[in-house]
Amino acid sequence: MKKIAILLITTAVLFGAGVAFYHVSASGTYDSLPKEKREIMERKAQNKDKARNDSVSKKDGVNGPLVVQHDRAVTAQILTHVEDPVNDHKAKFKNGWVSPIKNGEMGGKNVTVEAGALINDPEQGYVFVRSEGDKRKYMGEKEYKTPSKHGEVRIIDAKEFILTLQAKDGKKWSFDVPTGTFKDIE
């Protein structure tokens, strides 16, 4: 009998505490918080509501661009501008190329190639290849230097996975993306 009484009292206390906690947390107000904390919490709540109701949007908001990235198909193309904050410390990139990977040419779903020159040796052409899987998941990367020093390189043409690179002085190579090999073009 004593155990049942203790169990009932414990249950009542826990139930009461739960109801009180639910009431306070469900009220949705931050009146008891200091002004700065209250403003932060209200802003976070507004951002959550906006994110729930927002579809894909590319317009700029107060805190920068509002972009939701989905795993959409990539179109093979030469990129006129490349931003790579991870590798910008070692190379200055002139342009790039992106393509979906089909038929098992390489591992992954998409491949990105960046072309330019090394920062510590501007005469050395440099090619950086990165592959991605589903949902832009990083799969791997490889770095290549041109066979000879002719300055920074640009991608000027692409046929399948064979890129045509041209150095600053006019020297051209074909670059096989899956194998990472260069061939002189006369």
N, C-alpha and C. Protein backbone atom coordinates (compact mmCIF):
# COMPACT_ATOMS: atom_id res chain seq x y z
N MET A 1 0.82 -1.18 0.00
CA MET A 1 0.00 0.00 0.00
C MET A 1 0.87 1.26 0.00
N LYS A 2 1.95 1.20 0.78
CA LYS A 2 2.86 2.34 0.88
C LYS A 2 3.52 2.59 -0.49
N LYS A 3 3.88 1.51 -1.22
CA LYS A 3 4.51 1.64 -2.53
C LYS A 3 3.55 2.27 -3.53
N ILE A 4 2.29 1.92 -3.44
CA ILE A 4 1.29 2.48 -4.36
C ILE A 4 1.13 3.98 -4.10
N ALA A 5 1.13 4.38 -2.83
CA ALA A 5 1.00 5.81 -2.48
C ALA A 5 2.20 6.59 -3.00
N ILE A 6 3.41 6.03 -2.83
CA ILE A 6 4.62 6.70 -3.32
C ILE A 6 4.57 6.81 -4.84
N LEU A 7 4.12 5.77 -5.51
CA LEU A 7 4.01 5.76 -6.96
C LEU A 7 3.03 6.82 -7.43
N LEU A 8 1.88 6.93 -6.77
CA LEU A 8 0.88 7.91 -7.16
C LEU A 8 1.38 9.34 -6.94
N ILE A 9 2.04 9.58 -5.81
CA ILE A 9 2.58 10.91 -5.52
C ILE A 9 3.66 11.28 -6.54
N THR A 10 4.57 10.34 -6.83
CA THR A 10 5.63 10.58 -7.81
C THR A 10 5.04 10.88 -9.18
N THR A 11 4.05 10.11 -9.59
CA THR A 11 3.39 10.31 -10.88
C THR A 11 2.74 11.69 -10.94
N ALA A 12 2.06 12.10 -9.87
CA ALA A 12 1.39 13.40 -9.83
C ALA A 12 2.40 14.53 -9.93
N VAL A 13 3.52 14.42 -9.21
CA VAL A 13 4.55 15.46 -9.24
C VAL A 13 5.15 15.56 -10.64
N LEU A 14 5.51 14.43 -11.24
CA LEU A 14 6.10 14.44 -12.58
C LEU A 14 5.11 14.96 -13.62
N PHE A 15 3.84 14.58 -13.49
CA PHE A 15 2.82 15.05 -14.42
C PHE A 15 2.67 16.57 -14.29
N GLY A 16 2.64 17.05 -13.07
CA GLY A 16 2.52 18.50 -12.84
C GLY A 16 3.70 19.26 -13.41
N ALA A 17 4.90 18.72 -13.23
CA ALA A 17 6.09 19.38 -13.76
C ALA A 17 6.05 19.38 -15.29
N GLY A 18 5.59 18.29 -15.86
CA GLY A 18 5.49 18.21 -17.32
C GLY A 18 4.50 19.20 -17.89
N VAL A 19 3.35 19.34 -17.25
CA VAL A 19 2.34 20.30 -17.70
C VAL A 19 2.89 21.71 -17.58
N ALA A 20 3.55 22.01 -16.48
CA ALA A 20 4.11 23.35 -16.30
C ALA A 20 5.17 23.64 -17.37
N PHE A 21 6.05 22.68 -17.64
CA PHE A 21 7.09 22.85 -18.65
C PHE A 21 6.46 23.05 -20.03
N TYR A 22 5.45 22.23 -20.34
CA TYR A 22 4.79 22.34 -21.64
C TYR A 22 4.14 23.71 -21.78
N HIS A 23 3.48 24.18 -20.73
CA HIS A 23 2.81 25.48 -20.78
C HIS A 23 3.81 26.60 -21.04
N VAL A 24 4.93 26.57 -20.34
CA VAL A 24 5.94 27.62 -20.50
C VAL A 24 6.58 27.54 -21.88
N SER A 25 6.95 26.33 -22.34
CA SER A 25 7.65 26.22 -23.62
C SER A 25 6.70 26.43 -24.79
N ALA A 26 5.40 26.14 -24.63
CA ALA A 26 4.46 26.28 -25.72
C ALA A 26 3.93 27.70 -25.83
N SER A 27 4.22 28.54 -24.86
CA SER A 27 3.68 29.89 -24.89
C SER A 27 4.25 30.68 -26.05
N GLY A 28 5.48 30.38 -26.49
CA GLY A 28 6.06 31.02 -27.66
C GLY A 28 6.52 32.43 -27.43
N THR A 29 6.50 32.89 -26.21
CA THR A 29 6.97 34.25 -25.94
C THR A 29 8.30 34.18 -25.23
N TYR A 30 9.03 35.22 -25.40
CA TYR A 30 10.35 35.29 -24.79
C TYR A 30 10.42 36.51 -23.86
N ASP A 31 9.28 36.87 -23.27
CA ASP A 31 9.19 38.07 -22.45
C ASP A 31 10.11 38.06 -21.24
N SER A 32 10.36 36.88 -20.71
CA SER A 32 11.17 36.82 -19.49
C SER A 32 12.67 36.90 -19.79
N LEU A 33 13.05 36.86 -21.05
CA LEU A 33 14.47 36.90 -21.42
C LEU A 33 14.98 38.33 -21.51
N PRO A 34 16.30 38.52 -21.35
CA PRO A 34 16.86 39.86 -21.58
C PRO A 34 16.61 40.29 -23.03
N LYS A 35 16.61 41.60 -23.28
CA LYS A 35 16.25 42.16 -24.58
C LYS A 35 17.06 41.55 -25.72
N GLU A 36 18.38 41.46 -25.59
CA GLU A 36 19.22 40.94 -26.66
C GLU A 36 18.89 39.49 -26.99
N LYS A 37 18.74 38.68 -25.95
CA LYS A 37 18.43 37.27 -26.13
C LYS A 37 17.04 37.11 -26.75
N ARG A 38 16.09 37.94 -26.29
CA ARG A 38 14.73 37.88 -26.82
C ARG A 38 14.74 38.21 -28.32
N GLU A 39 15.49 39.23 -28.74
CA GLU A 39 15.57 39.59 -30.16
C GLU A 39 16.17 38.46 -30.99
N ILE A 40 17.20 37.80 -30.46
CA ILE A 40 17.84 36.68 -31.16
C ILE A 40 16.84 35.53 -31.32
N MET A 41 16.15 35.19 -30.24
CA MET A 41 15.19 34.08 -30.29
C MET A 41 14.03 34.39 -31.24
N GLU A 42 13.55 35.63 -31.22
CA GLU A 42 12.46 36.00 -32.13
C GLU A 42 12.91 35.95 -33.58
N ARG A 43 14.14 36.40 -33.87
CA ARG A 43 14.69 36.35 -35.23
C ARG A 43 14.85 34.91 -35.70
N LYS A 44 15.31 34.03 -34.80
CA LYS A 44 15.44 32.61 -35.15
C LYS A 44 14.07 32.00 -35.46
N ALA A 45 13.08 32.34 -34.67
CA ALA A 45 11.74 31.81 -34.90
C ALA A 45 11.19 32.30 -36.24
N GLN A 46 11.43 33.57 -36.57
CA GLN A 46 10.99 34.11 -37.87
C GLN A 46 11.70 33.39 -39.02
N ASN A 47 13.00 33.14 -38.86
CA ASN A 47 13.76 32.45 -39.91
C ASN A 47 13.26 31.03 -40.10
N LYS A 48 12.91 30.35 -39.01
CA LYS A 48 12.38 28.98 -39.11
C LYS A 48 11.05 28.99 -39.85
N ASP A 49 10.17 29.93 -39.48
CA ASP A 49 8.88 30.02 -40.15
C ASP A 49 9.06 30.32 -41.63
N LYS A 50 9.97 31.23 -41.94
CA LYS A 50 10.22 31.59 -43.34
C LYS A 50 10.77 30.39 -44.11
N ALA A 51 11.69 29.65 -43.50
CA ALA A 51 12.27 28.48 -44.16
C ALA A 51 11.22 27.41 -44.42
N ARG A 52 10.30 27.25 -43.50
CA ARG A 52 9.22 26.26 -43.69
C ARG A 52 8.32 26.63 -44.86
N ASN A 53 8.08 27.92 -45.01
CA ASN A 53 7.13 28.39 -46.02
C ASN A 53 7.79 28.76 -47.35
N ASP A 54 9.11 28.87 -47.36
CA ASP A 54 9.83 29.32 -48.55
C ASP A 54 10.05 28.17 -49.52
N SER A 55 9.80 28.41 -50.77
CA SER A 55 10.20 27.44 -51.79
C SER A 55 11.56 27.90 -52.30
N VAL A 56 12.07 27.25 -53.34
CA VAL A 56 13.38 27.63 -53.87
C VAL A 56 13.31 29.08 -54.30
N SER A 57 14.22 29.88 -53.80
CA SER A 57 14.21 31.30 -54.07
C SER A 57 15.64 31.75 -54.36
N LYS A 58 15.79 32.62 -55.35
CA LYS A 58 17.12 33.11 -55.65
C LYS A 58 17.23 34.61 -55.44
N LYS A 59 16.22 35.21 -54.86
CA LYS A 59 16.31 36.64 -54.59
C LYS A 59 17.14 36.85 -53.33
N ASP A 60 17.76 38.01 -53.24
CA ASP A 60 18.58 38.31 -52.09
C ASP A 60 17.71 38.75 -50.92
N GLY A 61 18.07 38.26 -49.74
CA GLY A 61 17.41 38.66 -48.52
C GLY A 61 18.30 39.59 -47.73
N VAL A 62 17.88 39.94 -46.55
CA VAL A 62 18.64 40.84 -45.69
C VAL A 62 20.00 40.23 -45.33
N ASN A 63 20.02 38.92 -45.11
CA ASN A 63 21.25 38.25 -44.69
C ASN A 63 21.96 37.56 -45.85
N GLY A 64 21.78 38.03 -47.09
CA GLY A 64 22.43 37.42 -48.25
C GLY A 64 21.44 36.66 -49.10
N PRO A 65 21.97 35.95 -50.11
CA PRO A 65 21.07 35.24 -51.02
C PRO A 65 20.36 34.08 -50.34
N LEU A 66 19.11 33.90 -50.69
CA LEU A 66 18.32 32.80 -50.18
C LEU A 66 18.30 31.72 -51.26
N VAL A 67 19.17 30.73 -51.15
CA VAL A 67 19.27 29.69 -52.17
C VAL A 67 19.15 28.33 -51.51
N VAL A 68 18.25 27.53 -52.03
CA VAL A 68 18.11 26.16 -51.57
C VAL A 68 18.68 25.29 -52.67
N GLN A 69 19.71 24.50 -52.36
CA GLN A 69 20.33 23.67 -53.38
C GLN A 69 19.73 22.29 -53.36
N HIS A 70 19.36 21.84 -54.54
CA HIS A 70 18.85 20.49 -54.70
C HIS A 70 19.81 19.72 -55.57
N ASP A 71 19.69 18.43 -55.58
CA ASP A 71 20.56 17.59 -56.38
C ASP A 71 20.00 17.52 -57.80
N ARG A 72 20.23 18.58 -58.59
CA ARG A 72 19.70 18.59 -59.94
C ARG A 72 20.78 18.23 -60.94
N ALA A 73 20.34 17.92 -62.12
CA ALA A 73 21.27 17.48 -63.17
C ALA A 73 22.19 18.62 -63.57
N VAL A 74 23.43 18.28 -63.81
CA VAL A 74 24.44 19.24 -64.25
C VAL A 74 24.52 19.17 -65.76
N THR A 75 24.67 20.31 -66.40
CA THR A 75 24.86 20.37 -67.84
C THR A 75 26.34 20.58 -68.11
N ALA A 76 26.90 19.79 -69.02
CA ALA A 76 28.32 19.93 -69.35
C ALA A 76 28.55 21.32 -69.95
N GLN A 77 29.51 22.06 -69.38
CA GLN A 77 29.78 23.40 -69.86
C GLN A 77 31.11 23.92 -69.35
N ILE A 78 31.67 24.86 -70.11
CA ILE A 78 32.87 25.57 -69.66
C ILE A 78 32.41 26.72 -68.78
N LEU A 79 33.05 26.85 -67.64
CA LEU A 79 32.71 27.90 -66.68
C LEU A 79 33.67 29.07 -66.87
N THR A 80 33.13 30.27 -67.03
CA THR A 80 33.98 31.43 -67.25
C THR A 80 34.61 31.94 -65.96
N HIS A 81 34.04 31.57 -64.84
CA HIS A 81 34.53 32.04 -63.54
C HIS A 81 34.51 30.89 -62.55
N VAL A 82 35.58 30.74 -61.79
CA VAL A 82 35.67 29.67 -60.79
C VAL A 82 36.02 30.30 -59.45
N GLU A 83 35.23 29.96 -58.43
CA GLU A 83 35.55 30.36 -57.06
C GLU A 83 35.84 29.10 -56.26
N ASP A 84 37.03 29.00 -55.74
CA ASP A 84 37.42 27.82 -54.96
C ASP A 84 38.19 28.30 -53.74
N PRO A 85 37.49 28.69 -52.67
CA PRO A 85 38.18 29.22 -51.50
C PRO A 85 39.11 28.22 -50.84
N VAL A 86 38.89 26.93 -51.06
CA VAL A 86 39.75 25.92 -50.44
C VAL A 86 41.11 25.88 -51.13
N ASN A 87 41.14 26.04 -52.45
CA ASN A 87 42.39 25.91 -53.20
C ASN A 87 42.94 27.23 -53.74
N ASP A 88 42.28 28.35 -53.46
CA ASP A 88 42.77 29.64 -53.95
C ASP A 88 44.12 30.02 -53.38
N HIS A 89 44.53 29.43 -52.29
CA HIS A 89 45.83 29.76 -51.71
C HIS A 89 46.99 29.17 -52.50
N LYS A 90 46.72 28.13 -53.31
CA LYS A 90 47.81 27.51 -54.07
C LYS A 90 47.76 27.76 -55.56
N ALA A 91 46.59 28.17 -56.07
CA ALA A 91 46.47 28.39 -57.51
C ALA A 91 45.53 29.54 -57.81
N LYS A 92 45.81 30.19 -58.94
CA LYS A 92 44.93 31.23 -59.46
C LYS A 92 44.20 30.60 -60.65
N PHE A 93 42.89 30.42 -60.51
CA PHE A 93 42.13 29.72 -61.54
C PHE A 93 41.58 30.72 -62.56
N LYS A 94 41.73 30.39 -63.83
CA LYS A 94 41.23 31.23 -64.92
C LYS A 94 39.81 30.85 -65.32
N ASN A 95 39.55 29.56 -65.43
CA ASN A 95 38.20 29.11 -65.75
C ASN A 95 38.05 27.65 -65.34
N GLY A 96 36.94 27.04 -65.73
CA GLY A 96 36.69 25.67 -65.32
C GLY A 96 35.74 24.97 -66.27
N TRP A 97 35.41 23.74 -65.94
CA TRP A 97 34.49 22.92 -66.73
C TRP A 97 33.77 21.99 -65.77
N VAL A 98 32.49 21.76 -66.02
CA VAL A 98 31.70 20.87 -65.18
C VAL A 98 30.91 19.95 -66.11
N SER A 99 30.72 18.71 -65.66
CA SER A 99 29.99 17.74 -66.48
C SER A 99 29.41 16.63 -65.61
N PRO A 100 28.27 16.09 -66.03
CA PRO A 100 27.80 14.88 -65.36
C PRO A 100 28.68 13.71 -65.78
N ILE A 101 28.77 12.71 -64.94
CA ILE A 101 29.54 11.51 -65.25
C ILE A 101 28.55 10.43 -65.66
N LYS A 102 28.73 9.92 -66.86
CA LYS A 102 27.85 8.88 -67.38
C LYS A 102 28.68 7.67 -67.77
N ASN A 103 28.05 6.55 -67.86
CA ASN A 103 28.68 5.33 -68.38
C ASN A 103 29.94 4.92 -67.64
N GLY A 104 30.10 5.33 -66.41
CA GLY A 104 31.23 4.87 -65.59
C GLY A 104 32.60 5.37 -66.03
N GLU A 105 32.66 6.53 -66.74
CA GLU A 105 33.97 7.06 -67.14
C GLU A 105 34.85 7.31 -65.92
N MET A 106 34.22 7.75 -64.84
CA MET A 106 34.90 8.04 -63.58
C MET A 106 33.94 7.67 -62.46
N GLY A 107 34.45 7.64 -61.22
CA GLY A 107 33.57 7.42 -60.08
C GLY A 107 32.84 8.69 -59.74
N GLY A 108 31.60 8.57 -59.31
CA GLY A 108 30.84 9.74 -58.89
C GLY A 108 29.73 10.08 -59.85
N LYS A 109 29.13 11.25 -59.62
CA LYS A 109 28.00 11.69 -60.42
C LYS A 109 28.35 12.90 -61.28
N ASN A 110 29.17 13.81 -60.75
CA ASN A 110 29.58 15.02 -61.48
C ASN A 110 31.08 15.20 -61.32
N VAL A 111 31.67 15.89 -62.30
CA VAL A 111 33.09 16.22 -62.21
C VAL A 111 33.26 17.71 -62.51
N THR A 112 34.15 18.34 -61.76
CA THR A 112 34.49 19.74 -61.97
C THR A 112 35.99 19.83 -62.20
N VAL A 113 36.40 20.58 -63.22
CA VAL A 113 37.81 20.79 -63.53
C VAL A 113 38.06 22.28 -63.45
N GLU A 114 39.14 22.66 -62.76
CA GLU A 114 39.54 24.06 -62.66
C GLU A 114 40.92 24.19 -63.27
N ALA A 115 41.12 25.24 -64.06
CA ALA A 115 42.40 25.42 -64.76
C ALA A 115 42.98 26.79 -64.45
N GLY A 116 44.31 26.85 -64.33
CA GLY A 116 44.98 28.12 -64.05
C GLY A 116 46.47 27.91 -63.92
N ALA A 117 47.05 28.54 -62.91
CA ALA A 117 48.50 28.43 -62.67
C ALA A 117 48.75 28.44 -61.17
N LEU A 118 49.90 27.89 -60.79
CA LEU A 118 50.28 27.90 -59.38
C LEU A 118 50.65 29.31 -58.95
N ILE A 119 50.27 29.67 -57.76
CA ILE A 119 50.59 31.01 -57.26
C ILE A 119 52.09 31.17 -57.03
N ASN A 120 52.74 30.12 -56.48
CA ASN A 120 54.17 30.23 -56.19
C ASN A 120 55.04 30.00 -57.44
N ASP A 121 54.45 29.63 -58.58
CA ASP A 121 55.17 29.46 -59.84
C ASP A 121 54.20 29.76 -60.98
N PRO A 122 53.96 31.04 -61.29
CA PRO A 122 52.95 31.44 -62.27
C PRO A 122 53.18 30.89 -63.68
N GLU A 123 54.37 30.42 -63.98
CA GLU A 123 54.63 29.83 -65.29
C GLU A 123 54.18 28.38 -65.37
N GLN A 124 53.85 27.78 -64.22
CA GLN A 124 53.43 26.38 -64.19
C GLN A 124 51.92 26.28 -64.30
N GLY A 125 51.44 25.72 -65.41
CA GLY A 125 50.01 25.49 -65.58
C GLY A 125 49.53 24.45 -64.57
N TYR A 126 48.29 24.57 -64.16
CA TYR A 126 47.77 23.72 -63.08
C TYR A 126 46.32 23.36 -63.38
N VAL A 127 45.98 22.09 -63.18
CA VAL A 127 44.62 21.60 -63.39
C VAL A 127 44.19 20.84 -62.13
N PHE A 128 42.99 21.15 -61.68
CA PHE A 128 42.45 20.55 -60.46
C PHE A 128 41.14 19.85 -60.83
N VAL A 129 41.01 18.55 -60.49
CA VAL A 129 39.83 17.76 -60.85
C VAL A 129 39.17 17.27 -59.56
N ARG A 130 37.86 17.56 -59.44
CA ARG A 130 37.10 17.13 -58.25
C ARG A 130 35.87 16.36 -58.72
N SER A 131 35.60 15.22 -58.08
CA SER A 131 34.38 14.48 -58.41
C SER A 131 33.44 14.49 -57.21
N GLU A 132 32.14 14.49 -57.54
CA GLU A 132 31.09 14.54 -56.52
C GLU A 132 30.11 13.42 -56.76
N GLY A 133 29.50 12.96 -55.68
CA GLY A 133 28.47 11.93 -55.77
C GLY A 133 27.09 12.54 -55.64
N ASP A 134 26.13 11.75 -55.21
CA ASP A 134 24.76 12.23 -55.02
C ASP A 134 24.75 13.36 -54.00
N LYS A 135 23.86 14.31 -54.21
CA LYS A 135 23.67 15.47 -53.32
C LYS A 135 24.98 16.24 -53.12
N ARG A 136 25.79 16.28 -54.17
CA ARG A 136 27.05 17.03 -54.21
C ARG A 136 28.05 16.56 -53.15
N LYS A 137 27.97 15.32 -52.77
CA LYS A 137 28.89 14.76 -51.77
C LYS A 137 30.28 14.63 -52.38
N TYR A 138 31.27 15.11 -51.67
CA TYR A 138 32.66 15.07 -52.11
C TYR A 138 33.11 13.61 -52.27
N MET A 139 33.68 13.29 -53.44
CA MET A 139 34.16 11.93 -53.71
C MET A 139 35.69 11.86 -53.77
N GLY A 140 36.32 12.90 -54.27
CA GLY A 140 37.77 12.88 -54.39
C GLY A 140 38.26 14.00 -55.29
N GLU A 141 39.56 14.20 -55.27
CA GLU A 141 40.16 15.25 -56.08
C GLU A 141 41.57 14.84 -56.48
N LYS A 142 42.03 15.40 -57.59
CA LYS A 142 43.40 15.17 -58.07
C LYS A 142 43.94 16.47 -58.63
N GLU A 143 45.25 16.64 -58.51
CA GLU A 143 45.92 17.83 -59.02
C GLU A 143 46.91 17.42 -60.10
N TYR A 144 47.00 18.24 -61.15
CA TYR A 144 47.92 17.96 -62.25
C TYR A 144 48.64 19.23 -62.64
N LYS A 145 49.92 19.10 -62.98
CA LYS A 145 50.69 20.20 -63.54
C LYS A 145 50.87 19.92 -65.03
N THR A 146 50.86 20.98 -65.82
CA THR A 146 51.09 20.79 -67.26
C THR A 146 52.49 20.23 -67.47
N PRO A 147 52.70 19.46 -68.56
CA PRO A 147 54.00 18.82 -68.79
C PRO A 147 55.17 19.80 -68.91
N SER A 148 54.89 21.02 -69.36
CA SER A 148 55.95 22.03 -69.46
C SER A 148 55.38 23.38 -69.05
N LYS A 149 56.27 24.29 -68.70
CA LYS A 149 55.86 25.60 -68.19
C LYS A 149 55.68 26.59 -69.34
N HIS A 150 54.43 26.99 -69.52
CA HIS A 150 54.08 27.97 -70.55
C HIS A 150 53.12 29.02 -70.01
N GLY A 151 52.97 29.10 -68.70
CA GLY A 151 52.07 30.07 -68.08
C GLY A 151 50.73 29.44 -67.73
N GLU A 152 49.84 30.30 -67.24
CA GLU A 152 48.53 29.83 -66.82
C GLU A 152 47.78 29.21 -68.00
N VAL A 153 46.92 28.23 -67.70
CA VAL A 153 46.14 27.56 -68.74
C VAL A 153 44.66 27.87 -68.59
N ARG A 154 43.98 27.83 -69.73
CA ARG A 154 42.53 28.01 -69.79
C ARG A 154 41.94 26.83 -70.55
N ILE A 155 40.72 26.47 -70.21
CA ILE A 155 39.99 25.46 -70.96
C ILE A 155 39.31 26.19 -72.11
N ILE A 156 39.66 25.80 -73.35
CA ILE A 156 39.07 26.49 -74.50
C ILE A 156 38.06 25.63 -75.25
N ASP A 157 38.07 24.31 -75.01
CA ASP A 157 37.12 23.44 -75.68
C ASP A 157 36.97 22.16 -74.87
N ALA A 158 35.83 21.49 -75.07
CA ALA A 158 35.57 20.22 -74.38
C ALA A 158 34.76 19.32 -75.29
N LYS A 159 35.26 18.11 -75.48
CA LYS A 159 34.53 17.08 -76.21
C LYS A 159 34.53 15.85 -75.34
N GLU A 160 33.31 15.51 -74.85
CA GLU A 160 33.20 14.42 -73.88
C GLU A 160 34.10 14.74 -72.68
N PHE A 161 35.06 13.87 -72.37
CA PHE A 161 35.95 14.09 -71.23
C PHE A 161 37.36 14.46 -71.67
N ILE A 162 37.49 14.95 -72.90
CA ILE A 162 38.78 15.44 -73.40
C ILE A 162 38.69 16.95 -73.50
N LEU A 163 39.49 17.65 -72.69
CA LEU A 163 39.49 19.11 -72.68
C LEU A 163 40.68 19.62 -73.48
N THR A 164 40.49 20.74 -74.16
CA THR A 164 41.59 21.41 -74.83
C THR A 164 42.02 22.57 -73.93
N LEU A 165 43.28 22.55 -73.53
CA LEU A 165 43.84 23.60 -72.68
C LEU A 165 44.79 24.46 -73.51
N GLN A 166 44.76 25.76 -73.26
CA GLN A 166 45.68 26.66 -73.92
C GLN A 166 46.41 27.50 -72.88
N ALA A 167 47.75 27.51 -72.99
CA ALA A 167 48.57 28.27 -72.06
C ALA A 167 48.63 29.74 -72.49
N LYS A 168 49.14 30.53 -71.61
CA LYS A 168 49.23 31.98 -71.84
C LYS A 168 50.02 32.29 -73.11
N ASP A 169 51.07 31.50 -73.39
CA ASP A 169 51.90 31.76 -74.58
C ASP A 169 51.37 31.08 -75.85
N GLY A 170 50.18 30.45 -75.78
CA GLY A 170 49.58 29.84 -76.95
C GLY A 170 49.75 28.33 -77.04
N LYS A 171 50.61 27.74 -76.27
CA LYS A 171 50.81 26.29 -76.27
C LYS A 171 49.51 25.59 -75.91
N LYS A 172 49.19 24.48 -76.64
CA LYS A 172 47.94 23.76 -76.39
C LYS A 172 48.22 22.29 -76.05
N TRP A 173 47.35 21.77 -75.19
CA TRP A 173 47.36 20.34 -74.83
C TRP A 173 45.92 19.86 -74.86
N SER A 174 45.77 18.55 -75.08
CA SER A 174 44.49 17.92 -74.78
C SER A 174 44.68 17.26 -73.41
N PHE A 175 43.66 17.32 -72.60
CA PHE A 175 43.72 16.76 -71.25
C PHE A 175 42.58 15.77 -71.10
N ASP A 176 42.94 14.51 -70.84
CA ASP A 176 41.97 13.44 -70.63
C ASP A 176 41.59 13.45 -69.15
N VAL A 177 40.38 13.86 -68.84
CA VAL A 177 39.96 14.05 -67.45
C VAL A 177 40.01 12.75 -66.64
N PRO A 178 39.45 11.62 -67.13
CA PRO A 178 39.47 10.41 -66.31
C PRO A 178 40.88 9.88 -66.02
N THR A 179 41.80 10.00 -66.98
CA THR A 179 43.15 9.45 -66.77
C THR A 179 44.14 10.49 -66.27
N GLY A 180 43.83 11.77 -66.45
CA GLY A 180 44.74 12.83 -66.02
C GLY A 180 45.97 12.96 -66.90
N THR A 181 45.85 12.56 -68.17
CA THR A 181 47.01 12.62 -69.07
C THR A 181 46.89 13.79 -70.04
N PHE A 182 48.06 14.34 -70.38
CA PHE A 182 48.16 15.45 -71.33
C PHE A 182 48.74 14.94 -72.64
N LYS A 183 48.32 15.53 -73.77
CA LYS A 183 48.91 15.28 -75.07
C LYS A 183 49.15 16.61 -75.74
N ASP A 184 50.33 16.78 -76.33
CA ASP A 184 50.62 18.01 -77.06
C ASP A 184 49.71 18.12 -78.27
N ILE A 185 49.27 19.35 -78.55
CA ILE A 185 48.53 19.64 -79.78
C ILE A 185 49.43 20.54 -80.61
N GLU A 186 49.67 20.12 -81.82
CA GLU A 186 50.56 20.88 -82.73
C GLU A 186 49.86 22.06 -83.32
